[in-house]
């Protein structure tokens, strides 16, 4: 049986994860041959958290 609350968590987790991946790519690598550690850490943490929300939401929905 589908649980709508967890389905919403899965959707928000997925789209947040997509945006976090985009932010990670754009902020961690601002120019060719350069790497921003702070940007990578912040966006990478968001990537991991939102991926976990997506997976948990998929398992519970």
PDB file of N, CA and C in Angstrom:
ATOM      1  N   UNK A   1       0.847  -1.184   0.000  1.00  0.00           N
ATOM      2  CA  UNK A   1       0.000   0.000   0.000  1.00  0.00           C
ATOM      3  C   UNK A   1       0.885   1.237   0.000  1.00  0.00           C
ATOM      4  N   UNK A   2       0.535   2.199  -0.819  1.00  0.00           N
ATOM      5  CA  UNK A   2       1.337   3.406  -0.986  1.00  0.00           C
ATOM      6  C   UNK A   2       1.101   4.369   0.168  1.00  0.00           C
ATOM      7  N   UNK A   3       2.160   4.868   0.723  1.00  0.00           N
ATOM      8  CA  UNK A   3       2.080   5.870   1.767  1.00  0.00           C
ATOM      9  C   UNK A   3       2.468   7.209   1.137  1.00  0.00           C
ATOM     10  N   UNK A   4       1.517   8.129   1.047  1.00  0.00           N
ATOM     11  CA  UNK A   4       1.731   9.379   0.327  1.00  0.00           C
ATOM     12  C   UNK A   4       2.829  10.240   0.952  1.00  0.00           C
ATOM     13  N   UNK A   5       2.949  10.225   2.267  1.00  0.00           N
ATOM     14  CA  UNK A   5       3.988  11.015   2.925  1.00  0.00           C
ATOM     15  C   UNK A   5       5.384  10.580   2.513  1.00  0.00           C
ATOM     16  N   UNK A   6       5.606   9.268   2.496  1.00  0.00           N
ATOM     17  CA  UNK A   6       6.916   8.769   2.087  1.00  0.00           C
ATOM     18  C   UNK A   6       7.144   8.962   0.595  1.00  0.00           C
ATOM     19  N   UNK A   7       6.073   8.937  -0.182  1.00  0.00           N
ATOM     20  CA  UNK A   7       6.205   9.198  -1.615  1.00  0.00           C
ATOM     21  C   UNK A   7       6.658  10.635  -1.857  1.00  0.00           C
ATOM     22  N   UNK A   8       6.149  11.565  -1.056  1.00  0.00           N
ATOM     23  CA  UNK A   8       6.577  12.964  -1.157  1.00  0.00           C
ATOM     24  C   UNK A   8       8.048  13.089  -0.755  1.00  0.00           C
ATOM     25  N   UNK A   9       8.442  12.391   0.313  1.00  0.00           N
ATOM     26  CA  UNK A   9       9.852  12.401   0.734  1.00  0.00           C
ATOM     27  C   UNK A   9      10.733  11.869  -0.388  1.00  0.00           C
ATOM     28  N   UNK A  10      10.296  10.813  -1.057  1.00  0.00           N
ATOM     29  CA  UNK A  10      11.067  10.245  -2.168  1.00  0.00           C
ATOM     30  C   UNK A  10      11.191  11.250  -3.313  1.00  0.00           C
ATOM     31  N   UNK A  11      10.104  11.915  -3.646  1.00  0.00           N
ATOM     32  CA  UNK A  11      10.149  12.905  -4.734  1.00  0.00           C
ATOM     33  C   UNK A  11      11.053  14.086  -4.387  1.00  0.00           C
ATOM     34  N   UNK A  12      10.899  14.620  -3.183  1.00  0.00           N
ATOM     35  CA  UNK A  12      11.739  15.746  -2.769  1.00  0.00           C
ATOM     36  C   UNK A  12      13.200  15.326  -2.674  1.00  0.00           C
ATOM     37  N   UNK A  13      13.430  14.115  -2.185  1.00  0.00           N
ATOM     38  CA  UNK A  13      14.792  13.609  -2.115  1.00  0.00           C
ATOM     39  C   UNK A  13      15.422  13.451  -3.483  1.00  0.00           C
ATOM     40  N   UNK A  14      14.652  12.944  -4.433  1.00  0.00           N
ATOM     41  CA  UNK A  14      15.189  12.762  -5.781  1.00  0.00           C
ATOM     42  C   UNK A  14      15.531  14.097  -6.430  1.00  0.00           C
ATOM     43  N   UNK A  15      14.572  15.028  -6.433  1.00  0.00           N
ATOM     44  CA  UNK A  15      14.831  16.309  -7.100  1.00  0.00           C
ATOM     45  C   UNK A  15      15.878  17.132  -6.355  1.00  0.00           C
ATOM     46  N   UNK A  16      15.910  17.025  -5.039  1.00  0.00           N
ATOM     47  CA  UNK A  16      16.974  17.680  -4.284  1.00  0.00           C
ATOM     48  C   UNK A  16      18.325  17.078  -4.611  1.00  0.00           C
ATOM     49  N   UNK A  17      18.361  15.761  -4.780  1.00  0.00           N
ATOM     50  CA  UNK A  17      19.598  15.080  -5.140  1.00  0.00           C
ATOM     51  C   UNK A  17      20.086  15.536  -6.516  1.00  0.00           C
ATOM     52  N   UNK A  18      19.174  15.654  -7.474  1.00  0.00           N
ATOM     53  CA  UNK A  18      19.542  16.123  -8.810  1.00  0.00           C
ATOM     54  C   UNK A  18      20.125  17.530  -8.729  1.00  0.00           C
ATOM     55  N   UNK A  19      19.487  18.408  -7.965  1.00  0.00           N
ATOM     56  CA  UNK A  19      19.998  19.768  -7.815  1.00  0.00           C
ATOM     57  C   UNK A  19      21.329  19.794  -7.067  1.00  0.00           C
ATOM     58  N   UNK A  20      21.491  18.910  -6.090  1.00  0.00           N
ATOM     59  CA  UNK A  20      22.753  18.851  -5.348  1.00  0.00           C
ATOM     60  C   UNK A  20      23.890  18.369  -6.248  1.00  0.00           C
ATOM     61  N   UNK A  21      23.622  17.419  -7.130  1.00  0.00           N
ATOM     62  CA  UNK A  21      24.645  16.963  -8.073  1.00  0.00           C
ATOM     63  C   UNK A  21      25.057  18.112  -8.987  1.00  0.00           C
ATOM     64  N   UNK A  22      24.074  18.856  -9.475  1.00  0.00           N
ATOM     65  CA  UNK A  22      24.364  20.002 -10.332  1.00  0.00           C
ATOM     66  C   UNK A  22      25.184  21.045  -9.569  1.00  0.00           C
ATOM     67  N   UNK A  23      24.769  21.346  -8.336  1.00  0.00           N
ATOM     68  CA  UNK A  23      25.516  22.301  -7.518  1.00  0.00           C
ATOM     69  C   UNK A  23      26.922  21.813  -7.227  1.00  0.00           C
ATOM     70  N   UNK A  24      27.071  20.527  -6.973  1.00  0.00           N
ATOM     71  CA  UNK A  24      28.398  19.954  -6.722  1.00  0.00           C
ATOM     72  C   UNK A  24      29.306  20.144  -7.924  1.00  0.00           C
ATOM     73  N   UNK A  25      28.803  19.837  -9.093  1.00  0.00           N
ATOM     74  CA  UNK A  25      29.609  19.979 -10.308  1.00  0.00           C
ATOM     75  C   UNK A  25      29.983  21.440 -10.549  1.00  0.00           C
ATOM     76  N   UNK A  26      29.020  22.333 -10.408  1.00  0.00           N
ATOM     77  CA  UNK A  26      29.275  23.741 -10.707  1.00  0.00           C
ATOM     78  C   UNK A  26      30.127  24.444  -9.657  1.00  0.00           C
ATOM     79  N   UNK A  27      29.986  24.083  -8.380  1.00  0.00           N
ATOM     80  CA  UNK A  27      30.713  24.782  -7.326  1.00  0.00           C
ATOM     81  C   UNK A  27      32.031  24.125  -6.953  1.00  0.00           C
ATOM     82  N   UNK A  28      32.141  22.822  -7.101  1.00  0.00           N
ATOM     83  CA  UNK A  28      33.392  22.148  -6.759  1.00  0.00           C
ATOM     84  C   UNK A  28      34.436  22.327  -7.858  1.00  0.00           C
ATOM     85  N   UNK A  29      33.975  22.493  -9.080  1.00  0.00           N
ATOM     86  CA  UNK A  29      34.886  22.671 -10.209  1.00  0.00           C
ATOM     87  C   UNK A  29      34.552  23.983 -10.935  1.00  0.00           C
ATOM     88  N   UNK A  30      34.913  25.132 -10.339  1.00  0.00           N
ATOM     89  CA  UNK A  30      34.511  26.416 -10.916  1.00  0.00           C
ATOM     90  C   UNK A  30      35.204  26.740 -12.244  1.00  0.00           C
ATOM     91  N   UNK A  31      36.390  26.207 -12.463  1.00  0.00           N
ATOM     92  CA  UNK A  31      37.111  26.461 -13.711  1.00  0.00           C
ATOM     93  C   UNK A  31      37.939  25.220 -14.044  1.00  0.00           C
ATOM     94  N   UNK A  32      38.369  25.151 -15.262  1.00  0.00           N
ATOM     95  CA  UNK A  32      39.173  24.006 -15.695  1.00  0.00           C
ATOM     96  C   UNK A  32      40.467  23.953 -14.883  1.00  0.00           C
ATOM     97  N   UNK A  33      40.732  22.807 -14.305  1.00  0.00           N
ATOM     98  CA  UNK A  33      41.960  22.611 -13.555  1.00  0.00           C
ATOM     99  C   UNK A  33      41.923  23.117 -12.125  1.00  0.00           C
ATOM    100  N   UNK A  34      40.765  23.559 -11.631  1.00  0.00           N
ATOM    101  CA  UNK A  34      40.680  24.036 -10.247  1.00  0.00           C
ATOM    102  C   UNK A  34      39.627  23.238  -9.483  1.00  0.00           C
ATOM    103  N   UNK A  35      39.825  23.183  -8.173  1.00  0.00           N
ATOM    104  CA  UNK A  35      38.916  22.424  -7.310  1.00  0.00           C
ATOM    105  C   UNK A  35      38.655  23.238  -6.045  1.00  0.00           C
ATOM    106  N   UNK A  36      37.394  23.460  -5.725  1.00  0.00           N
ATOM    107  CA  UNK A  36      36.993  24.214  -4.546  1.00  0.00           C
ATOM    108  C   UNK A  36      36.579  23.217  -3.465  1.00  0.00           C
ATOM    109  N   UNK A  37      37.429  23.031  -2.455  1.00  0.00           N
ATOM    110  CA  UNK A  37      37.160  22.031  -1.419  1.00  0.00           C
ATOM    111  C   UNK A  37      35.930  22.377  -0.593  1.00  0.00           C
ATOM    112  N   UNK A  38      35.771  23.654  -0.251  1.00  0.00           N
ATOM    113  CA  UNK A  38      34.627  24.065   0.563  1.00  0.00           C
ATOM    114  C   UNK A  38      33.319  23.829  -0.188  1.00  0.00           C
ATOM    115  N   UNK A  39      33.270  24.219  -1.435  1.00  0.00           N
ATOM    116  CA  UNK A  39      32.073  23.977  -2.247  1.00  0.00           C
ATOM    117  C   UNK A  39      31.781  22.500  -2.402  1.00  0.00           C
ATOM    118  N   UNK A  40      32.841  21.710  -2.575  1.00  0.00           N
ATOM    119  CA  UNK A  40      32.660  20.267  -2.710  1.00  0.00           C
ATOM    120  C   UNK A  40      32.128  19.656  -1.423  1.00  0.00           C
ATOM    121  N   UNK A  41      32.616  20.124  -0.278  1.00  0.00           N
ATOM    122  CA  UNK A  41      32.162  19.583   1.003  1.00  0.00           C
ATOM    123  C   UNK A  41      30.692  19.918   1.259  1.00  0.00           C
ATOM    124  N   UNK A  42      30.312  21.153   1.016  1.00  0.00           N
ATOM    125  CA  UNK A  42      28.930  21.581   1.270  1.00  0.00           C
ATOM    126  C   UNK A  42      27.961  20.864   0.331  1.00  0.00           C
ATOM    127  N   UNK A  43      28.228  20.915  -0.962  1.00  0.00           N
ATOM    128  CA  UNK A  43      27.332  20.292  -1.928  1.00  0.00           C
ATOM    129  C   UNK A  43      27.397  18.780  -1.864  1.00  0.00           C
ATOM    130  N   UNK A  44      28.557  18.235  -1.516  1.00  0.00           N
ATOM    131  CA  UNK A  44      28.687  16.789  -1.351  1.00  0.00           C
ATOM    132  C   UNK A  44      27.877  16.277  -0.172  1.00  0.00           C
ATOM    133  N   UNK A  45      27.848  17.049   0.914  1.00  0.00           N
ATOM    134  CA  UNK A  45      27.031  16.663   2.067  1.00  0.00           C
ATOM    135  C   UNK A  45      25.547  16.677   1.701  1.00  0.00           C
ATOM    136  N   UNK A  46      25.132  17.698   0.973  1.00  0.00           N
ATOM    137  CA  UNK A  46      23.746  17.749   0.499  1.00  0.00           C
ATOM    138  C   UNK A  46      23.425  16.583  -0.417  1.00  0.00           C
ATOM    139  N   UNK A  47      24.372  16.222  -1.259  1.00  0.00           N
ATOM    140  CA  UNK A  47      24.231  15.081  -2.154  1.00  0.00           C
ATOM    141  C   UNK A  47      23.953  13.801  -1.365  1.00  0.00           C
ATOM    142  N   UNK A  48      24.745  13.560  -0.323  1.00  0.00           N
ATOM    143  CA  UNK A  48      24.606  12.339   0.471  1.00  0.00           C
ATOM    144  C   UNK A  48      23.284  12.325   1.245  1.00  0.00           C
ATOM    145  N   UNK A  49      22.940  13.440   1.884  1.00  0.00           N
ATOM    146  CA  UNK A  49      21.710  13.511   2.685  1.00  0.00           C
ATOM    147  C   UNK A  49      20.479  13.344   1.809  1.00  0.00           C
ATOM    148  N   UNK A  50      20.433  14.040   0.703  1.00  0.00           N
ATOM    149  CA  UNK A  50      19.261  13.955  -0.171  1.00  0.00           C
ATOM    150  C   UNK A  50      19.159  12.604  -0.863  1.00  0.00           C
ATOM    151  N   UNK A  51      20.291  11.993  -1.160  1.00  0.00           N
ATOM    152  CA  UNK A  51      20.265  10.634  -1.709  1.00  0.00           C
ATOM    153  C   UNK A  51      19.672   9.670  -0.684  1.00  0.00           C
ATOM    154  N   UNK A  52      20.062   9.840   0.571  1.00  0.00           N
ATOM    155  CA  UNK A  52      19.509   8.985   1.636  1.00  0.00           C
ATOM    156  C   UNK A  52      18.004   9.194   1.769  1.00  0.00           C
ATOM    157  N   UNK A  53      17.537  10.449   1.707  1.00  0.00           N
ATOM    158  CA  UNK A  53      16.095  10.719   1.759  1.00  0.00           C
ATOM    159  C   UNK A  53      15.386  10.023   0.604  1.00  0.00           C
ATOM    160  N   UNK A  54      15.960  10.095  -0.568  1.00  0.00           N
ATOM    161  CA  UNK A  54      15.360   9.473  -1.748  1.00  0.00           C
ATOM    162  C   UNK A  54      15.233   7.962  -1.549  1.00  0.00           C
ATOM    163  N   UNK A  55      16.301   7.314  -1.133  1.00  0.00           N
ATOM    164  CA  UNK A  55      16.282   5.867  -0.960  1.00  0.00           C
ATOM    165  C   UNK A  55      15.337   5.453   0.160  1.00  0.00           C
ATOM    166  N   UNK A  56      15.388   6.138   1.277  1.00  0.00           N
ATOM    167  CA  UNK A  56      14.491   5.812   2.398  1.00  0.00           C
ATOM    168  C   UNK A  56      13.035   6.011   1.986  1.00  0.00           C
ATOM    169  N   UNK A  57      12.750   7.109   1.293  1.00  0.00           N
ATOM    170  CA  UNK A  57      11.397   7.349   0.807  1.00  0.00           C
ATOM    171  C   UNK A  57      10.917   6.262  -0.147  1.00  0.00           C
ATOM    172  N   UNK A  58      11.828   5.786  -1.007  1.00  0.00           N
ATOM    173  CA  UNK A  58      11.464   4.717  -1.945  1.00  0.00           C
ATOM    174  C   UNK A  58      11.190   3.413  -1.200  1.00  0.00           C
ATOM    175  N   UNK A  59      11.965   3.137  -0.172  1.00  0.00           N
ATOM    176  CA  UNK A  59      11.756   1.896   0.568  1.00  0.00           C
ATOM    177  C   UNK A  59      10.490   1.924   1.412  1.00  0.00           C
ATOM    178  N   UNK A  60      10.112   3.078   1.911  1.00  0.00           N
ATOM    179  CA  UNK A  60       8.960   3.197   2.800  1.00  0.00           C
ATOM    180  C   UNK A  60       7.643   3.474   2.079  1.00  0.00           C
ATOM    181  N   UNK A  61       7.712   3.987   0.865  1.00  0.00           N
ATOM    182  CA  UNK A  61       6.474   4.345   0.155  1.00  0.00           C
ATOM    183  C   UNK A  61       5.694   3.125  -0.277  1.00  0.00           C
TER     184      UNK A  61
END
